[in-house]
Amino acid sequence: MTNYYWIVAHHSGKVLEVKDGSFCSLVEIVQNTKKSELDSNVDMQLWYFDGGFITNKRTGLVIDVIGGK
């Protein structure tokens, strides 16, 4: 069973989310208010750890930094 997590920004209290729930590989990761677990779009805010990568539940894409810096 996979454990899913919200990633909360300490300074704002908001969570990381895939912008507009997009499946595009260059989509932005933004901060937004935490959604209820009952919200049909909550998956774009949920993440899991897999082999050293942070992966989004909705898209299956991993967090990366453009240019690797």
N, C-alpha and C. Protein backbone atom coordinates (compact mmCIF):
# COMPACT_ATOMS: atom_id res chain seq x y z
N MET A 1 0.84 -1.19 0.00
CA MET A 1 0.00 0.00 0.00
C MET A 1 0.89 1.25 0.00
N THR A 2 0.57 2.18 -0.84
CA THR A 2 1.32 3.43 -0.93
C THR A 2 0.78 4.44 0.07
N ASN A 3 1.67 5.11 0.77
CA ASN A 3 1.28 6.20 1.66
C ASN A 3 1.41 7.51 0.92
N TYR A 4 0.35 8.32 0.94
CA TYR A 4 0.35 9.62 0.27
C TYR A 4 0.42 10.73 1.31
N TYR A 5 1.07 11.84 0.94
CA TYR A 5 1.29 12.94 1.86
C TYR A 5 1.02 14.28 1.18
N TRP A 6 0.60 15.24 1.99
CA TRP A 6 0.62 16.63 1.56
C TRP A 6 1.99 17.16 1.93
N ILE A 7 2.57 18.01 1.09
CA ILE A 7 3.83 18.67 1.42
C ILE A 7 3.48 20.11 1.77
N VAL A 8 3.69 20.47 3.02
CA VAL A 8 3.25 21.77 3.53
C VAL A 8 4.43 22.73 3.60
N ALA A 9 4.26 23.92 3.02
CA ALA A 9 5.26 24.98 3.11
C ALA A 9 5.18 25.60 4.50
N HIS A 10 6.28 25.54 5.22
CA HIS A 10 6.30 26.03 6.61
C HIS A 10 5.92 27.50 6.70
N HIS A 11 6.41 28.33 5.77
CA HIS A 11 6.19 29.78 5.86
C HIS A 11 4.76 30.21 5.55
N SER A 12 4.02 29.43 4.75
CA SER A 12 2.68 29.85 4.35
C SER A 12 1.57 28.94 4.87
N GLY A 13 1.93 27.72 5.24
CA GLY A 13 0.92 26.76 5.67
C GLY A 13 0.15 26.14 4.52
N LYS A 14 0.51 26.52 3.29
CA LYS A 14 -0.16 25.97 2.10
C LYS A 14 0.57 24.71 1.64
N VAL A 15 -0.08 23.95 0.78
CA VAL A 15 0.50 22.70 0.31
C VAL A 15 0.92 22.82 -1.15
N LEU A 16 1.86 21.95 -1.55
CA LEU A 16 2.29 21.92 -2.94
C LEU A 16 1.25 21.20 -3.78
N GLU A 17 1.03 21.72 -4.99
CA GLU A 17 0.06 21.12 -5.90
C GLU A 17 0.53 21.29 -7.33
N VAL A 18 0.15 20.35 -8.18
CA VAL A 18 0.43 20.45 -9.61
C VAL A 18 -0.53 21.49 -10.18
N LYS A 19 0.00 22.55 -10.79
CA LYS A 19 -0.83 23.64 -11.29
C LYS A 19 -1.90 23.12 -12.25
N ASP A 20 -3.13 23.42 -11.94
CA ASP A 20 -4.30 23.03 -12.75
C ASP A 20 -4.42 21.52 -12.94
N GLY A 21 -3.69 20.74 -12.16
CA GLY A 21 -3.76 19.28 -12.28
C GLY A 21 -3.24 18.76 -13.61
N SER A 22 -2.38 19.55 -14.24
CA SER A 22 -1.88 19.23 -15.59
C SER A 22 -0.99 17.99 -15.62
N PHE A 23 -1.05 17.27 -16.73
CA PHE A 23 -0.19 16.11 -16.96
C PHE A 23 1.04 16.48 -17.79
N CYS A 24 1.21 17.76 -18.11
CA CYS A 24 2.36 18.24 -18.89
C CYS A 24 3.64 18.06 -18.07
N SER A 25 4.69 17.59 -18.71
CA SER A 25 5.93 17.32 -17.97
C SER A 25 6.64 18.58 -17.49
N LEU A 26 6.29 19.74 -18.01
CA LEU A 26 6.93 20.99 -17.57
C LEU A 26 6.00 21.87 -16.74
N VAL A 27 4.97 21.27 -16.18
CA VAL A 27 3.99 22.03 -15.40
C VAL A 27 4.64 22.57 -14.13
N GLU A 28 4.14 23.70 -13.66
CA GLU A 28 4.64 24.31 -12.42
C GLU A 28 4.05 23.59 -11.20
N ILE A 29 4.81 23.61 -10.14
CA ILE A 29 4.32 23.18 -8.83
C ILE A 29 4.07 24.46 -8.05
N VAL A 30 2.85 24.62 -7.54
CA VAL A 30 2.45 25.86 -6.87
C VAL A 30 1.97 25.55 -5.45
N GLN A 31 1.79 26.60 -4.67
CA GLN A 31 1.21 26.46 -3.33
C GLN A 31 -0.27 26.78 -3.42
N ASN A 32 -1.07 26.05 -2.66
CA ASN A 32 -2.50 26.31 -2.62
C ASN A 32 -3.04 25.85 -1.27
N THR A 33 -4.26 26.25 -0.97
CA THR A 33 -4.92 25.83 0.25
C THR A 33 -5.18 24.32 0.18
N LYS A 34 -4.97 23.65 1.28
CA LYS A 34 -5.16 22.20 1.34
C LYS A 34 -6.61 21.84 1.06
N LYS A 35 -6.80 20.88 0.15
CA LYS A 35 -8.13 20.40 -0.20
C LYS A 35 -8.56 19.30 0.76
N SER A 36 -9.86 19.12 0.89
CA SER A 36 -10.41 18.04 1.68
C SER A 36 -10.11 16.70 1.01
N GLU A 37 -9.97 15.65 1.80
CA GLU A 37 -9.78 14.32 1.23
C GLU A 37 -10.97 13.89 0.37
N LEU A 38 -12.11 14.54 0.56
CA LEU A 38 -13.31 14.21 -0.21
C LEU A 38 -13.38 14.97 -1.53
N ASP A 39 -12.51 15.96 -1.72
CA ASP A 39 -12.48 16.76 -2.95
C ASP A 39 -11.98 15.89 -4.11
N SER A 40 -12.68 15.93 -5.23
CA SER A 40 -12.30 15.09 -6.38
C SER A 40 -10.95 15.48 -6.98
N ASN A 41 -10.44 16.66 -6.65
CA ASN A 41 -9.15 17.11 -7.18
C ASN A 41 -8.01 17.02 -6.17
N VAL A 42 -8.23 16.35 -5.06
CA VAL A 42 -7.21 16.28 -4.02
C VAL A 42 -5.94 15.57 -4.49
N ASP A 43 -6.05 14.66 -5.47
CA ASP A 43 -4.87 13.91 -5.93
C ASP A 43 -3.76 14.78 -6.48
N MET A 44 -4.10 15.99 -6.97
CA MET A 44 -3.03 16.85 -7.49
C MET A 44 -2.22 17.47 -6.36
N GLN A 45 -2.65 17.28 -5.10
CA GLN A 45 -1.91 17.76 -3.94
C GLN A 45 -1.23 16.65 -3.16
N LEU A 46 -1.45 15.42 -3.54
CA LEU A 46 -0.90 14.29 -2.78
C LEU A 46 0.35 13.75 -3.45
N TRP A 47 1.33 13.40 -2.62
CA TRP A 47 2.65 12.97 -3.09
C TRP A 47 3.07 11.71 -2.37
N TYR A 48 3.95 10.94 -3.01
CA TYR A 48 4.55 9.78 -2.34
C TYR A 48 6.02 9.71 -2.70
N PHE A 49 6.77 9.02 -1.85
CA PHE A 49 8.21 8.88 -2.03
C PHE A 49 8.49 7.52 -2.67
N ASP A 50 9.27 7.53 -3.75
CA ASP A 50 9.53 6.30 -4.50
C ASP A 50 10.96 6.31 -5.02
N GLY A 51 11.81 5.52 -4.41
CA GLY A 51 13.18 5.39 -4.90
C GLY A 51 13.96 6.69 -4.96
N GLY A 52 13.74 7.57 -4.00
CA GLY A 52 14.45 8.85 -3.96
C GLY A 52 13.74 9.97 -4.70
N PHE A 53 12.60 9.67 -5.29
CA PHE A 53 11.83 10.69 -6.02
C PHE A 53 10.56 11.02 -5.26
N ILE A 54 10.10 12.27 -5.42
CA ILE A 54 8.81 12.69 -4.89
C ILE A 54 7.85 12.69 -6.08
N THR A 55 6.84 11.83 -6.03
CA THR A 55 5.95 11.59 -7.16
C THR A 55 4.53 12.03 -6.83
N ASN A 56 3.87 12.68 -7.80
CA ASN A 56 2.50 13.13 -7.61
C ASN A 56 1.53 11.98 -7.85
N LYS A 57 0.54 11.87 -6.99
CA LYS A 57 -0.44 10.79 -7.10
C LYS A 57 -1.24 10.89 -8.39
N ARG A 58 -1.70 12.08 -8.75
CA ARG A 58 -2.56 12.25 -9.94
C ARG A 58 -1.82 11.99 -11.23
N THR A 59 -0.64 12.57 -11.37
CA THR A 59 0.05 12.56 -12.67
C THR A 59 1.09 11.46 -12.81
N GLY A 60 1.64 11.00 -11.68
CA GLY A 60 2.74 10.05 -11.74
C GLY A 60 4.06 10.70 -12.10
N LEU A 61 4.06 12.04 -12.24
CA LEU A 61 5.28 12.78 -12.55
C LEU A 61 6.03 13.12 -11.27
N VAL A 62 7.34 13.28 -11.38
CA VAL A 62 8.17 13.57 -10.21
C VAL A 62 8.53 15.05 -10.16
N ILE A 63 8.83 15.53 -8.95
CA ILE A 63 9.29 16.90 -8.78
C ILE A 63 10.74 16.98 -9.24
N ASP A 64 11.04 18.00 -10.03
CA ASP A 64 12.39 18.23 -10.52
C ASP A 64 12.60 19.73 -10.61
N VAL A 65 13.84 20.12 -10.68
CA VAL A 65 14.18 21.53 -10.85
C VAL A 65 14.75 21.69 -12.25
N ILE A 66 14.17 22.60 -13.04
CA ILE A 66 14.67 22.83 -14.40
C ILE A 66 16.12 23.26 -14.32
N GLY A 67 16.96 22.61 -15.07
CA GLY A 67 18.39 22.90 -15.05
C GLY A 67 19.13 22.16 -13.94
N GLY A 68 18.39 21.47 -13.07
CA GLY A 68 19.00 20.68 -12.02
C GLY A 68 19.70 21.48 -10.95
N LYS A 69 19.33 22.74 -10.76
CA LYS A 69 19.98 23.58 -9.74
C LYS A 69 18.98 24.03 -8.72
